[in-house]
């Protein structure tokens, strides 16, 4: 696809929306104007440009995508979905260590969908984010990897397990050592529970996220910034595709880990 055609498609909201509308099927001009909510005088020149590039066909009063147009729009949608993820919080993504997400999943980052970014709450500076905690407490199954330590984590995960929630944890080596040194009894009690499992990441030299959690109805992602710090900003998505994406990211790190058992 030449740069002129890319400009034609991507750098006009009217042309882009028009093409995506025709993806649903042929439309007459009245239906198009009603759905796009744009004046006829501003849309018709844009349609003319698309017709000149053989992306759109107008016959018998109906507009439809040409064969080329169908191919282009089919390929255009994933790009637009990916751009939507990054454009929603440009500064956040520009300052994240994205290497913690393996290539096969970064290519599918559009699956995060209509996510939200949770910012640190100054009124809970030393506490876990209340919203983060609420989502976990309302789950029946939790898979989580984390590589930063919070002193409230051991009690939280133990209480989740005691509620009967199925919970599988993967920890970085540094977090595991902290747990063993300072929260040994909580760790032992956690491991005694049949609905709980604990693994430690063994592979060295890999970029890792601060946190990834996949639960019944939510995916939570925390990434270190370019300075190597975790600023407690979480990406949260409730969309089924995002939850599956988060589960695959968790499994990616679990596959590089070994399970810890009580002696």
Protein backbone atom coordinates (compact mmCIF):
# COMPACT_ATOMS: atom_id res chain seq x y z
CA UNK A 1 0.00 0.00 0.00
CA UNK A 2 1.52 3.33 -1.04
CA UNK A 3 1.87 6.26 1.42
CA UNK A 4 -0.77 8.26 -0.46
CA UNK A 5 -3.34 5.55 0.08
CA UNK A 6 -2.42 5.25 3.76
CA UNK A 7 -2.88 9.00 4.17
CA UNK A 8 -6.19 8.79 2.35
CA UNK A 9 -7.54 6.15 4.72
CA UNK A 10 -6.06 7.04 8.08
CA UNK A 11 -5.84 10.82 8.10
CA UNK A 12 -9.52 11.58 7.65
CA UNK A 13 -12.09 10.54 10.25
CA UNK A 14 -14.88 10.89 7.68
CA UNK A 15 -13.21 8.58 5.16
CA UNK A 16 -12.22 6.09 7.84
CA UNK A 17 -15.71 6.00 9.39
CA UNK A 18 -17.30 5.71 5.95
CA UNK A 19 -15.17 2.70 5.01
CA UNK A 20 -15.83 0.98 8.33
CA UNK A 21 -19.56 1.57 7.90
CA UNK A 22 -19.50 -0.07 4.46
CA UNK A 23 -17.82 -3.08 6.04
CA UNK A 24 -21.30 -3.89 7.36
CA UNK A 25 -22.64 -4.03 3.80
CA UNK A 26 -23.90 -1.73 1.00
CA UNK A 27 -25.62 1.49 2.08
CA UNK A 28 -27.48 4.29 0.35
CA UNK A 29 -26.45 7.87 0.99
CA UNK A 30 -29.34 8.67 3.33
CA UNK A 31 -28.51 5.79 5.67
CA UNK A 32 -24.83 6.73 5.55
CA UNK A 33 -25.52 10.36 6.45
CA UNK A 34 -27.86 9.32 9.26
CA UNK A 35 -25.39 6.88 10.83
CA UNK A 36 -22.29 9.06 10.43
CA UNK A 37 -24.07 12.27 11.42
CA UNK A 38 -22.15 14.42 8.95
CA UNK A 39 -23.35 16.99 6.39
CA UNK A 40 -23.76 15.74 2.83
CA UNK A 41 -21.59 18.56 1.51
CA UNK A 42 -18.62 17.53 3.69
CA UNK A 43 -18.91 13.79 3.05
CA UNK A 44 -19.40 13.63 -0.72
CA UNK A 45 -15.91 15.01 -1.56
CA UNK A 46 -14.37 12.35 0.69
CA UNK A 47 -16.39 9.61 -0.99
CA UNK A 48 -15.22 10.90 -4.37
CA UNK A 49 -11.57 10.44 -3.33
CA UNK A 50 -12.23 6.87 -2.21
CA UNK A 51 -13.97 6.09 -5.51
CA UNK A 52 -11.01 7.50 -7.43
CA UNK A 53 -8.73 5.05 -5.61
CA UNK A 54 -11.11 2.16 -6.46
CA UNK A 55 -11.87 1.44 -2.82
CA UNK A 56 -15.59 2.21 -3.13
CA UNK A 57 -18.14 1.47 -5.85
CA UNK A 58 -21.35 3.44 -6.39
CA UNK A 59 -24.03 1.75 -8.45
CA UNK A 60 -27.82 1.74 -8.47
CA UNK A 61 -27.87 4.31 -5.68
CA UNK A 62 -25.85 2.13 -3.30
CA UNK A 63 -22.30 2.49 -2.03
CA UNK A 64 -20.26 -0.65 -1.37
CA UNK A 65 -16.65 -1.64 -0.91
CA UNK A 66 -14.77 -2.88 -3.94
CA UNK A 67 -12.83 -6.12 -3.68
CA UNK A 68 -9.71 -4.07 -2.97
CA UNK A 69 -11.66 -1.99 -0.46
CA UNK A 70 -12.82 -5.11 1.39
CA UNK A 71 -9.23 -6.37 1.69
CA UNK A 72 -7.93 -2.98 2.82
CA UNK A 73 -10.67 -2.43 5.43
CA UNK A 74 -10.22 -5.97 6.79
CA UNK A 75 -6.52 -5.24 7.36
CA UNK A 76 -7.23 -1.70 8.58
CA UNK A 77 -9.36 -2.71 11.57
CA UNK A 78 -6.58 -4.39 13.64
CA UNK A 79 -4.31 -1.39 13.03
CA UNK A 80 -7.00 1.03 14.18
CA UNK A 81 -7.70 -1.11 17.27
CA UNK A 82 -3.98 -1.12 18.12
CA UNK A 83 -3.67 2.62 17.64
CA UNK A 84 -6.73 3.10 19.85
CA UNK A 85 -5.02 1.28 22.75
CA UNK A 86 -1.88 3.42 22.56
CA UNK A 87 -3.61 6.73 21.79
CA UNK A 88 -5.89 6.38 24.81
CA UNK A 89 -2.93 6.92 27.19
CA UNK A 90 0.03 7.89 25.04
CA UNK A 91 2.31 9.09 27.86
CA UNK A 92 1.74 5.93 29.88
CA UNK A 93 2.64 3.55 27.05
CA UNK A 94 5.60 5.64 25.88
CA UNK A 95 7.17 5.31 29.33
CA UNK A 96 6.59 1.55 29.83
CA UNK A 97 9.02 -1.34 29.41
CA UNK A 98 7.00 -3.19 26.80
CA UNK A 99 9.67 -5.87 26.40
CA UNK A 100 8.00 -7.58 29.37
CA UNK A 101 5.21 -8.55 26.96
CA UNK A 102 6.38 -11.30 24.56
CA UNK A 103 6.18 -10.58 20.79
CA UNK A 104 3.19 -12.83 20.12
CA UNK A 105 1.15 -10.91 22.72
CA UNK A 106 2.40 -7.39 21.98
CA UNK A 107 1.17 -7.98 18.42
CA UNK A 108 -2.27 -8.61 19.94
CA UNK A 109 -2.27 -5.68 22.35
CA UNK A 110 -5.44 -4.43 20.66
CA UNK A 111 -7.20 -7.20 22.60
CA UNK A 112 -7.01 -5.01 25.72
CA UNK A 113 -9.99 -3.27 24.16
CA UNK A 114 -11.71 -0.53 26.11
CA UNK A 115 -9.37 -0.65 29.10
CA UNK A 116 -9.02 1.81 31.97
CA UNK A 117 -5.90 3.16 33.61
CA UNK A 118 -6.04 3.22 37.42
CA UNK A 119 -3.84 5.90 38.93
CA UNK A 120 -2.31 5.86 42.45
CA UNK A 121 -4.72 7.10 45.12
CA UNK A 122 -2.97 9.65 47.34
CA UNK A 123 -5.42 8.92 50.16
CA UNK A 124 -4.15 5.29 50.19
CA UNK A 125 -0.44 5.95 49.71
CA UNK A 126 0.72 2.98 51.78
CA UNK A 127 -2.23 0.67 51.07
CA UNK A 128 -3.12 -1.54 48.16
CA UNK A 129 -5.32 0.18 45.62
CA UNK A 130 -8.90 -0.38 46.92
CA UNK A 131 -10.26 -0.98 43.42
CA UNK A 132 -7.51 -3.51 42.71
CA UNK A 133 -8.37 -5.35 45.93
CA UNK A 134 -12.12 -5.23 45.27
CA UNK A 135 -11.79 -6.95 41.91
CA UNK A 136 -9.72 -9.77 43.37
CA UNK A 137 -12.12 -10.32 46.27
CA UNK A 138 -15.01 -10.69 43.80
CA UNK A 139 -13.31 -13.46 41.81
CA UNK A 140 -13.54 -17.23 42.15
CA UNK A 141 -10.28 -17.98 40.33
CA UNK A 142 -7.15 -15.80 40.20
CA UNK A 143 -3.91 -16.33 38.31
CA UNK A 144 -1.26 -13.74 39.14
CA UNK A 145 2.39 -13.02 38.48
CA UNK A 146 4.09 -10.21 40.36
CA UNK A 147 7.64 -8.99 40.75
CA UNK A 148 7.24 -6.10 43.16
CA UNK A 149 6.52 -6.60 46.83
CA UNK A 150 3.82 -4.99 48.92
CA UNK A 151 3.68 -5.89 52.65
CA UNK A 152 -0.09 -6.38 52.42
CA UNK A 153 0.20 -9.02 49.69
CA UNK A 154 0.78 -12.06 51.95
CA UNK A 155 -2.28 -11.37 54.11
CA UNK A 156 -4.39 -10.57 51.03
CA UNK A 157 -3.56 -13.79 49.20
CA UNK A 158 -4.00 -15.88 52.32
CA UNK A 159 -7.43 -14.34 52.95
CA UNK A 160 -8.41 -14.95 49.31
CA UNK A 161 -7.42 -18.61 49.61
CA UNK A 162 -9.34 -18.96 52.87
CA UNK A 163 -12.46 -17.69 51.10
CA UNK A 164 -12.21 -20.70 48.79
CA UNK A 165 -10.92 -18.73 45.83
CA UNK A 166 -8.70 -20.77 43.55
CA UNK A 167 -5.43 -18.85 43.43
CA UNK A 168 -2.22 -19.54 41.54
CA UNK A 169 0.77 -17.24 42.14
CA UNK A 170 4.05 -16.87 40.27
CA UNK A 171 6.68 -14.72 42.00
CA UNK A 172 9.98 -13.28 40.88
CA UNK A 173 12.97 -14.56 42.85
CA UNK A 174 13.39 -11.31 44.81
CA UNK A 175 9.74 -11.30 45.88
CA UNK A 176 9.90 -14.97 46.85
CA UNK A 177 12.98 -14.34 49.03
CA UNK A 178 11.20 -11.46 50.74
CA UNK A 179 8.22 -13.70 51.41
CA UNK A 180 10.42 -16.45 52.87
CA UNK A 181 12.38 -14.04 55.07
CA UNK A 182 9.63 -11.82 56.42
CA UNK A 183 6.36 -13.75 55.98
CA UNK A 184 7.41 -17.36 56.40
CA UNK A 185 4.37 -18.45 58.45
CA UNK A 186 1.88 -16.86 56.05
CA UNK A 187 3.67 -18.60 53.17
CA UNK A 188 3.49 -21.99 54.85
CA UNK A 189 -0.19 -21.57 55.65
CA UNK A 190 -0.89 -20.55 52.05
CA UNK A 191 0.89 -23.62 50.67
CA UNK A 192 -1.13 -25.96 52.93
CA UNK A 193 -4.33 -24.97 51.17
CA UNK A 194 -5.56 -27.25 48.37
CA UNK A 195 -6.90 -24.34 46.30
CA UNK A 196 -3.56 -22.46 46.34
CA UNK A 197 -0.30 -22.89 44.45
CA UNK A 198 2.95 -20.94 44.42
CA UNK A 199 5.70 -20.88 41.76
CA UNK A 200 8.99 -19.03 41.47
CA UNK A 201 10.29 -17.64 38.17
CA UNK A 202 13.48 -19.50 37.29
CA UNK A 203 14.49 -18.08 33.93
CA UNK A 204 17.12 -15.36 34.25
CA UNK A 205 17.71 -12.28 32.17
CA UNK A 206 14.15 -11.76 30.95
CA UNK A 207 12.27 -8.48 31.14
CA UNK A 208 9.30 -8.95 33.44
CA UNK A 209 6.14 -7.00 34.28
CA UNK A 210 5.41 -5.66 37.74
CA UNK A 211 2.12 -7.52 37.83
CA UNK A 212 -0.25 -9.51 35.67
CA UNK A 213 -3.54 -10.84 37.01
CA UNK A 214 -6.21 -12.76 35.17
CA UNK A 215 -9.44 -13.51 37.01
CA UNK A 216 -13.01 -14.47 36.10
CA UNK A 217 -14.12 -11.10 34.84
CA UNK A 218 -11.01 -8.91 34.83
CA UNK A 219 -7.46 -8.53 33.57
CA UNK A 220 -4.99 -6.33 35.48
CA UNK A 221 -1.58 -5.34 34.10
CA UNK A 222 1.20 -3.37 35.79
CA UNK A 223 4.39 -2.49 33.91
CA UNK A 224 7.64 -0.94 35.10
CA UNK A 225 8.46 2.45 33.61
CA UNK A 226 11.60 3.16 31.62
CA UNK A 227 13.42 4.04 34.85
CA UNK A 228 12.70 0.57 36.22
CA UNK A 229 10.19 1.78 38.80
CA UNK A 230 6.61 0.70 39.32
CA UNK A 231 4.41 3.74 39.87
CA UNK A 232 1.30 1.72 40.79
CA UNK A 233 -0.57 2.50 37.59
CA UNK A 234 -2.67 -0.47 36.51
CA UNK A 235 -4.27 -1.24 33.17
CA UNK A 236 -7.65 -2.86 33.84
CA UNK A 237 -9.95 -4.42 31.27
CA UNK A 238 -13.20 -6.32 31.70
CA UNK A 239 -13.42 -7.52 28.12
CA UNK A 240 -13.32 -11.30 27.53
CA UNK A 241 -10.53 -10.99 24.92
CA UNK A 242 -8.40 -9.01 27.39
CA UNK A 243 -8.93 -11.60 30.12
CA UNK A 244 -7.80 -14.35 27.73
CA UNK A 245 -4.81 -12.19 26.70
CA UNK A 246 -3.90 -11.73 30.38
CA UNK A 247 -4.21 -15.46 31.02
CA UNK A 248 -1.79 -16.17 28.17
CA UNK A 249 0.68 -13.65 29.57
CA UNK A 250 0.45 -15.30 32.99
CA UNK A 251 1.00 -18.74 31.43
CA UNK A 252 4.04 -17.40 29.57
CA UNK A 253 5.73 -16.65 32.90
CA UNK A 254 4.38 -19.73 34.66
CA UNK A 255 6.00 -21.88 31.97
CA UNK A 256 9.37 -20.43 33.03
CA UNK A 257 8.74 -21.21 36.70
CA UNK A 258 8.90 -24.10 39.15
CA UNK A 259 6.32 -24.92 41.76
CA UNK A 260 7.17 -24.56 45.46
CA UNK A 261 6.03 -27.39 47.71
CA UNK A 262 6.10 -27.79 51.47
CA UNK A 263 8.84 -30.16 52.65
